[in-house]
Amino acid sequence: MESKYYNEEKLLILKLTEEIDECTVQKIRRKADYEIERYMPRKVIFDFNSVTFMDSAGIGLIIGRYRIANMLGGTVEIANVTDSIKKVLELSGLLKIIKITELEEMAG
């Protein structure tokens, strides 16, 4: 996972770079929690551009980061999802609380 923080917008982008399943989610969770607590952003965007697979462990990952960001006064959004991942998000009900957004690559 890669992360980028934009101070002026208080925006943290977490670019997921692997399949999200039970084997990978702990490592992603630790890094994401660290970055969220480090920067305390107003908005966290999970970029799914490089993700080809996600199971229920990924749903738990996103919900947990949503709760942390919410406690810190921030929001969570999801960007660049494939149709198959969007289906998983819809079936889980996650899209009722977290929106899918367009992610424009920022300069710098």
Foldseek 3Di string as FASTA:
>chain_A
DDWDADVVQLEIEAEDAEEADPVCLVVVLVVLVVVCVVSVGQEYEYECQNYDHYDVSVVVSQVVSQVVSVVSNHGYEYENDDPVVVVRCVVVVVCVRYPYDYDDDDDD
